[in-house]
Protein backbone atom coordinates (compact mmCIF):
# COMPACT_ATOMS: atom_id res chain seq x y z
CA MET A 1 -0.21 -0.30 0.33
CA SER A 2 1.59 2.87 -1.47
CA ASP A 3 1.51 6.35 0.85
CA ARG A 4 0.98 8.45 -1.72
CA THR A 5 -2.04 10.95 -2.65
CA ASP A 6 -1.43 11.34 -6.47
CA PRO A 7 -2.48 9.71 -9.10
CA LEU A 8 -0.17 6.99 -11.00
CA SER A 9 0.80 9.07 -14.33
CA ALA A 10 1.65 7.37 -17.68
CA ALA A 11 4.93 8.92 -17.83
CA GLU A 12 5.40 6.65 -14.35
CA ILE A 13 4.60 3.60 -15.82
CA LYS A 14 6.45 4.19 -19.48
CA GLN A 15 9.87 4.60 -17.01
CA LYS A 16 9.12 1.70 -15.24
CA ALA A 17 8.92 -0.32 -17.90
CA LEU A 18 12.14 0.85 -19.81
CA ASP A 19 13.59 0.30 -16.21
CA LEU A 20 12.24 -3.25 -16.08
CA GLY A 21 13.69 -3.86 -20.09
CA PHE A 22 10.88 -3.64 -21.75
CA HIS A 23 12.04 -1.76 -25.02
CA LYS A 24 8.35 -0.46 -25.87
CA VAL A 25 5.37 0.66 -23.99
CA GLY A 26 2.02 1.85 -24.85
CA ILE A 27 -1.22 2.60 -23.04
CA ALA A 28 -4.71 1.70 -24.79
CA ARG A 29 -8.11 3.26 -22.93
CA VAL A 30 -10.58 0.10 -23.01
CA ALA A 31 -13.95 2.35 -23.08
CA ASP A 32 -11.77 4.21 -26.00
CA TRP A 33 -12.38 1.00 -28.16
CA ASP A 34 -16.66 -0.06 -27.05
CA ASP A 35 -17.79 0.87 -30.69
CA ASP A 36 -15.15 -0.43 -32.49
CA THR A 37 -16.81 -3.83 -33.63
CA ALA A 38 -14.80 -4.69 -37.04
CA PRO A 39 -11.89 -6.53 -35.47
CA ASN A 40 -13.98 -8.42 -33.61
CA GLN A 41 -16.39 -9.31 -36.72
CA ALA A 42 -13.22 -9.86 -39.02
CA LEU A 43 -11.87 -12.43 -36.03
CA GLN A 44 -15.46 -14.04 -36.56
CA ARG A 45 -14.92 -14.27 -40.35
CA TRP A 46 -12.08 -15.54 -40.00
CA LEU A 47 -13.01 -18.47 -37.84
CA ASP A 48 -15.97 -19.54 -39.67
CA GLN A 49 -13.58 -19.66 -42.48
CA GLY A 50 -12.09 -22.47 -40.22
CA HIS A 51 -8.73 -20.57 -40.82
CA GLN A 52 -7.55 -21.74 -37.50
CA ALA A 53 -7.04 -25.23 -37.85
CA GLU A 54 -7.34 -27.32 -34.91
CA MET A 55 -6.98 -24.12 -32.46
CA ALA A 56 -9.76 -24.51 -30.82
CA TRP A 57 -8.94 -22.12 -28.39
CA MET A 58 -8.90 -19.04 -30.85
CA ASP A 59 -12.56 -19.28 -30.79
CA ASN A 60 -13.05 -18.62 -26.98
CA PRO A 61 -15.58 -15.42 -26.35
CA ARG A 62 -13.68 -13.42 -24.13
CA ARG A 63 -10.81 -12.77 -26.86
CA GLN A 64 -14.19 -10.38 -28.26
CA ASP A 65 -14.24 -8.95 -25.22
CA ILE A 66 -11.25 -7.86 -22.78
CA ARG A 67 -13.99 -6.78 -20.53
CA GLN A 68 -15.09 -10.78 -20.19
CA VAL A 69 -11.67 -11.19 -19.47
CA MET A 70 -11.10 -8.86 -16.09
CA PRO A 71 -14.56 -7.17 -15.52
CA GLY A 72 -13.62 -2.71 -14.20
CA ILE A 73 -10.47 -3.10 -16.68
CA ARG A 74 -10.34 0.62 -17.99
CA SER A 75 -6.53 0.10 -19.67
CA VAL A 76 -4.31 -2.51 -21.47
CA ILE A 77 -0.87 -1.54 -20.97
CA SER A 78 1.09 -3.63 -24.03
CA PHE A 79 5.31 -3.96 -23.93
CA ALA A 80 7.67 -5.29 -26.76
CA LEU A 81 10.70 -6.84 -26.27
CA ASN A 82 13.33 -6.86 -29.14
CA TYR A 83 14.44 -10.54 -29.60
CA TYR A 84 16.16 -10.20 -33.05
CA THR A 85 19.66 -11.80 -32.97
CA PRO A 86 21.63 -11.36 -36.58
CA HIS A 87 22.12 -15.26 -36.66
CA ARG A 88 21.56 -16.20 -40.50
CA HIS A 89 19.21 -19.90 -41.39
CA SER A 90 21.45 -22.24 -42.97
CA ASP A 91 20.83 -22.77 -46.85
CA ASP A 92 23.39 -26.79 -46.85
CA PRO A 93 20.33 -29.21 -47.05
CA ALA A 94 21.42 -31.08 -43.72
CA ILE A 95 20.53 -28.04 -41.96
CA ALA A 96 16.72 -27.93 -40.63
CA LYS A 97 15.74 -24.49 -39.41
CA ILE A 98 14.56 -23.41 -36.43
CA SER A 99 12.16 -19.74 -35.91
CA ARG A 100 14.24 -17.07 -34.79
CA TYR A 101 11.60 -16.40 -31.59
CA GLY A 102 12.67 -20.55 -30.65
CA TRP A 103 16.59 -20.07 -30.27
CA GLY A 104 16.81 -18.73 -26.88
CA ARG A 105 15.27 -19.15 -23.68
CA ASP A 106 11.63 -19.39 -23.22
CA TYR A 107 10.18 -16.20 -23.41
CA HIS A 108 7.41 -16.58 -21.19
CA ARG A 109 10.03 -16.87 -18.80
CA VAL A 110 11.60 -14.13 -19.68
CA ILE A 111 8.00 -11.64 -19.85
CA GLY A 112 6.81 -13.23 -17.66
CA LYS A 113 9.09 -12.27 -14.76
CA LYS A 114 9.31 -8.85 -15.31
CA LEU A 115 5.63 -8.67 -16.17
CA LYS A 116 5.10 -10.07 -12.46
CA ALA A 117 7.57 -7.16 -10.97
CA PHE A 118 5.31 -5.22 -12.73
CA SER A 119 2.21 -5.80 -11.49
CA LEU A 120 3.02 -6.09 -8.09
CA TRP A 121 4.45 -2.72 -8.34
CA LEU A 122 1.56 -1.43 -10.11
CA GLU A 123 -0.55 -3.23 -7.02
CA ALA A 124 1.88 -1.21 -4.15
CA GLN A 125 0.99 1.88 -5.90
CA SER A 126 -2.03 1.94 -4.39
CA GLN A 127 -3.90 3.74 -1.77
CA PRO A 128 -6.64 2.88 0.91
CA ASP A 129 -10.20 3.59 -1.38
CA ALA A 130 -8.20 2.98 -4.77
CA PRO A 131 -6.76 -0.61 -4.90
CA VAL A 132 -5.03 -0.94 -7.98
CA GLU A 133 -5.98 -4.17 -9.95
CA THR A 134 -3.99 -6.39 -12.54
CA ARG A 135 -3.84 -9.52 -14.75
CA TYR A 136 -0.78 -9.79 -16.96
CA TYR A 137 0.23 -12.54 -20.15
CA VAL A 138 2.36 -12.90 -22.34
CA ASP A 139 0.56 -15.17 -25.04
CA THR A 140 -1.33 -17.13 -22.14
CA GLY A 141 -4.34 -16.18 -22.20
CA PRO A 142 -7.58 -14.83 -24.59
CA ILE A 143 -5.96 -11.24 -25.49
CA SER A 144 -6.24 -10.32 -28.93
CA ASP A 145 -2.67 -9.22 -28.10
CA LYS A 146 -1.02 -7.27 -31.81
CA LEU A 147 -4.97 -5.50 -31.67
CA TRP A 148 -4.17 -4.30 -28.69
CA ALA A 149 -1.01 -3.32 -28.95
CA GLN A 150 -1.44 -1.60 -32.56
CA ARG A 151 -3.89 0.37 -30.13
CA ALA A 152 -1.58 1.90 -27.88
CA GLY A 153 0.79 2.52 -30.97
CA LEU A 154 3.43 0.17 -30.52
CA GLY A 155 3.06 -0.63 -34.24
CA TRP A 156 1.18 -1.48 -37.11
CA ILE A 157 -0.35 -4.77 -37.87
CA ALA A 158 1.08 -6.21 -41.18
CA LYS A 159 0.19 -8.05 -43.86
CA ASN A 160 1.45 -11.18 -42.66
CA SER A 161 -0.59 -10.22 -39.30
CA ASN A 162 2.70 -9.39 -37.56
CA VAL A 163 2.90 -6.28 -35.92
CA ILE A 164 5.68 -4.46 -37.39
CA THR A 165 7.37 -1.50 -34.67
CA ARG A 166 9.81 1.10 -36.30
CA GLU A 167 12.27 0.44 -34.11
CA TYR A 168 12.63 -3.22 -34.17
CA GLY A 169 10.89 -4.33 -37.40
CA SER A 170 8.11 -7.49 -35.68
CA TRP A 171 11.47 -9.35 -34.33
CA VAL A 172 8.90 -8.06 -31.03
CA PHE A 173 7.30 -10.14 -28.72
CA LEU A 174 4.05 -9.04 -27.20
CA SER A 175 2.48 -9.21 -23.61
CA GLU A 176 -0.10 -6.68 -21.61
CA ILE A 177 -0.59 -6.02 -18.26
CA LEU A 178 -4.98 -5.03 -17.98
CA THR A 179 -5.89 -3.25 -15.16
CA ASN A 180 -8.30 -0.96 -13.12
CA LEU A 181 -5.39 2.19 -13.54
CA ASP A 182 -7.88 5.21 -15.69
CA LEU A 183 -4.78 6.18 -17.90
CA THR A 184 -3.60 8.74 -20.22
CA PRO A 185 -3.77 6.58 -23.61
CA ASP A 186 -1.25 7.02 -26.43
CA ARG A 187 -2.61 7.44 -29.65
CA PRO A 188 -2.97 4.54 -31.77
CA HIS A 189 -0.10 3.89 -35.18
CA ALA A 190 -0.73 4.60 -38.27
CA GLN A 191 -0.58 0.96 -41.37
CA HIS A 192 2.28 1.39 -43.19
CA CYS A 193 2.56 -1.31 -44.95
CA GLY A 194 1.04 0.18 -48.42
CA SER A 195 1.50 -1.98 -51.17
CA CYS A 196 4.42 -4.24 -49.92
CA THR A 197 2.82 -7.64 -50.63
CA ARG A 198 6.41 -9.15 -50.62
CA CYS A 199 5.64 -11.04 -47.47
CA LEU A 200 2.23 -12.84 -48.58
CA ASP A 201 3.80 -13.12 -52.33
CA ALA A 202 7.24 -14.84 -50.40
CA CYS A 203 4.87 -17.47 -48.27
CA PRO A 204 5.55 -21.39 -50.19
CA THR A 205 2.33 -22.95 -49.17
CA GLN A 206 0.22 -19.69 -49.97
CA ALA A 207 -0.88 -19.32 -46.28
CA PHE A 208 -2.41 -16.20 -46.98
CA PRO A 209 -5.66 -16.12 -48.66
CA ASP A 210 -6.07 -12.33 -48.12
CA PRO A 211 -3.44 -9.70 -46.86
CA PHE A 212 -3.94 -9.48 -42.98
CA VAL A 213 -5.20 -13.16 -42.69
CA VAL A 214 -3.27 -16.45 -42.14
CA ASP A 215 -4.78 -20.00 -43.23
CA ALA A 216 -3.22 -21.72 -40.03
CA ASN A 217 -4.71 -25.03 -42.42
CA ARG A 218 -1.54 -23.83 -44.95
CA CYS A 219 1.52 -22.22 -42.38
CA ILE A 220 4.79 -24.10 -42.40
CA ALA A 221 4.31 -22.57 -38.66
CA TYR A 222 1.15 -23.60 -37.64
CA HIS A 223 2.15 -27.24 -39.24
CA THR A 224 5.88 -27.49 -37.36
CA ILE A 225 4.07 -26.36 -34.27
CA GLU A 226 0.51 -26.60 -33.57
CA ASN A 227 -0.59 -29.71 -36.02
CA ARG A 228 -0.08 -33.27 -32.88
CA SER A 229 -1.01 -35.68 -36.64
CA ALA A 230 1.79 -38.59 -36.95
CA GLU A 231 2.48 -36.82 -40.85
CA LEU A 232 2.49 -33.90 -41.99
CA PRO A 233 0.02 -33.31 -45.14
CA GLU A 234 1.92 -33.54 -48.15
CA ALA A 235 1.27 -30.51 -49.74
CA ILE A 236 2.63 -29.31 -46.37
CA ALA A 237 5.37 -31.15 -46.54
CA VAL A 238 6.86 -30.98 -49.77
CA LYS A 239 7.01 -26.83 -49.34
CA LEU A 240 9.09 -26.52 -46.00
CA ASN A 241 12.24 -26.09 -47.00
CA ASN A 242 13.91 -27.39 -44.10
CA TRP A 243 11.76 -25.73 -41.53
CA VAL A 244 10.87 -27.94 -38.44
CA ALA A 245 9.99 -25.35 -35.69
CA GLY A 246 7.69 -22.37 -37.14
CA CYS A 247 8.87 -20.65 -40.32
CA ASP A 248 10.48 -16.67 -40.19
CA ILE A 249 9.98 -16.76 -44.09
CA CYS A 250 7.46 -13.55 -44.13
CA GLN A 251 9.52 -11.67 -41.60
CA ASP A 252 12.50 -12.16 -43.24
CA VAL A 253 11.48 -11.02 -46.55
CA CYS A 254 9.92 -7.88 -45.24
CA PRO A 255 11.64 -4.48 -45.89
CA TRP A 256 10.59 -2.90 -42.64
CA ASN A 257 12.29 -5.50 -41.16
CA GLN A 258 15.20 -6.05 -43.88
CA ARG A 259 16.04 -1.91 -42.70
CA PHE A 260 15.52 -1.74 -38.66
CA ALA A 261 16.27 -5.13 -37.06
CA GLN A 262 18.45 -4.83 -34.88
CA PRO A 263 20.03 -7.24 -32.04
CA THR A 264 18.28 -7.55 -28.67
CA ASP A 265 20.32 -6.56 -25.48
CA VAL A 266 18.74 -9.51 -23.89
CA GLU A 267 21.12 -12.29 -23.23
CA ASP A 268 18.10 -14.46 -22.64
CA PHE A 269 17.38 -14.34 -26.37
CA HIS A 270 20.66 -15.08 -27.08
CA PRO A 271 20.85 -18.57 -29.67
CA TYR A 272 21.64 -21.83 -27.57
CA PRO A 273 23.93 -23.01 -29.89
CA ASP A 274 22.32 -26.68 -30.60
CA ASN A 275 19.46 -24.13 -32.76
CA LEU A 276 21.12 -22.44 -35.01
CA ALA A 277 22.89 -25.55 -36.94
CA PRO A 278 21.15 -28.39 -36.59
CA SER A 279 21.03 -31.57 -38.52
CA LEU A 280 17.84 -33.19 -40.25
CA GLU A 281 18.93 -36.31 -38.93
CA ASP A 282 20.27 -35.85 -35.50
CA LEU A 283 16.72 -34.27 -35.26
CA ALA A 284 14.74 -37.27 -37.24
CA HIS A 285 16.33 -39.69 -34.56
CA LEU A 286 15.59 -37.15 -31.42
CA SER A 287 15.33 -39.43 -28.53
CA GLU A 288 13.65 -38.14 -24.83
CA ALA A 289 16.87 -37.52 -23.68
CA ASP A 290 18.67 -35.64 -26.41
CA TRP A 291 14.99 -33.26 -25.96
CA ASN A 292 15.85 -32.87 -22.67
CA ARG A 293 19.35 -31.47 -23.42
CA ARG A 294 18.60 -29.49 -26.59
CA PHE A 295 16.59 -27.67 -25.04
CA PRO A 296 16.58 -26.19 -21.70
CA ALA A 297 14.14 -23.76 -20.64
CA SER A 298 12.14 -23.36 -24.15
CA ALA A 299 9.47 -22.42 -25.88
CA LEU A 300 10.33 -25.59 -28.07
CA ARG A 301 9.43 -27.54 -25.47
CA ARG A 302 6.20 -27.31 -27.10
CA ILE A 303 7.25 -29.57 -29.93
CA LYS A 304 7.74 -33.00 -28.37
CA PRO A 305 9.85 -35.15 -29.80
CA ALA A 306 8.04 -37.61 -31.59
CA LEU A 307 7.30 -34.28 -33.87
CA TRP A 308 10.40 -33.09 -34.13
CA GLN A 309 11.42 -36.90 -35.70
CA ARG A 310 8.02 -36.16 -37.87
CA ASN A 311 8.99 -32.03 -38.63
CA ALA A 312 12.69 -33.55 -39.85
CA GLN A 313 11.53 -36.52 -41.53
CA ALA A 314 9.42 -34.99 -43.84
CA ASN A 315 12.78 -32.69 -45.26
CA LEU A 316 14.56 -35.76 -45.81
CA PRO A 317 15.07 -37.43 -49.52
CA LYS A 318 12.08 -38.83 -50.10
CA PHE A 319 10.14 -35.75 -50.15
CA PRO A 320 12.29 -34.43 -53.45
CA PRO A 321 11.91 -30.29 -53.99
CA SER A 322 9.40 -30.06 -56.32
CA ASN A 323 9.62 -26.69 -58.89
CA GLU A 324 5.32 -28.08 -59.86
CA SER A 325 2.70 -26.63 -58.15
CA THR A 326 0.54 -28.95 -55.53
CA PRO A 327 -2.79 -29.12 -54.30
CA LEU A 328 -3.83 -27.42 -50.91
CA ILE A 329 -5.27 -28.52 -48.16
């Protein structure tokens, strides 16, 4: 309980975020968006078209009404943390590719620790007649992270559905704190993709039926991480191009990323050595013991050994490259 008598300001909150190591922070006032139904309509269309594949949690009604997540919410404090490191994916056909987000320590752990410290600090600013309430999430709740990041001014939602920041490109982890504090909001970020379609054109599986729309049924990242089937669809398997955990293609080709990406100062996000150039053959025969050794405190532990084997085996020579158009699911 704080003995302060003045209300907590947005400037104090932003400085605290920087002190805790966040790279960007912005604020959105929930009431300002009560009449904006377009995002919910777009999400419902996406669900109705089955683009969520087997990700049933995307149909949680609370995702379309943040007041159901936290009754009494007034503000969303949105954060971005840069995770980019300048290493490149190998072009060696014997080497597997892992998405940059999973190269280092599990971002849930890194960011969750910061959010917990921030929430405790916020709640400590409570006054006897004005208790501060908080809830924090890092890719762990029914929150439209990207939508609130754009509303809080962190960046804009790109045609590949990632949030792009001017300072770091799209190589950022998003998180948020929901609070009952009525804070001065930031200006929502404008869209700056223009007429560019590089991300859409580069996708080998045509996972973007329209700009800003991702069809998980066609997405390499979805299939290598979320798809639990014993075998990958052949239309996906022949297009993997050595990806075994996620996919960075649409981010790698983005002009904003090529111009603004900068190395992170978060040591935890620097790659574990085994993640930069793993052998497809090794992963195709990954044991439980090797899985535990290779992926300590890693977001990649979501991919169990059998799925690593499946993904790696799908990239081995029995699936030769094809220049012909393969019907997609």
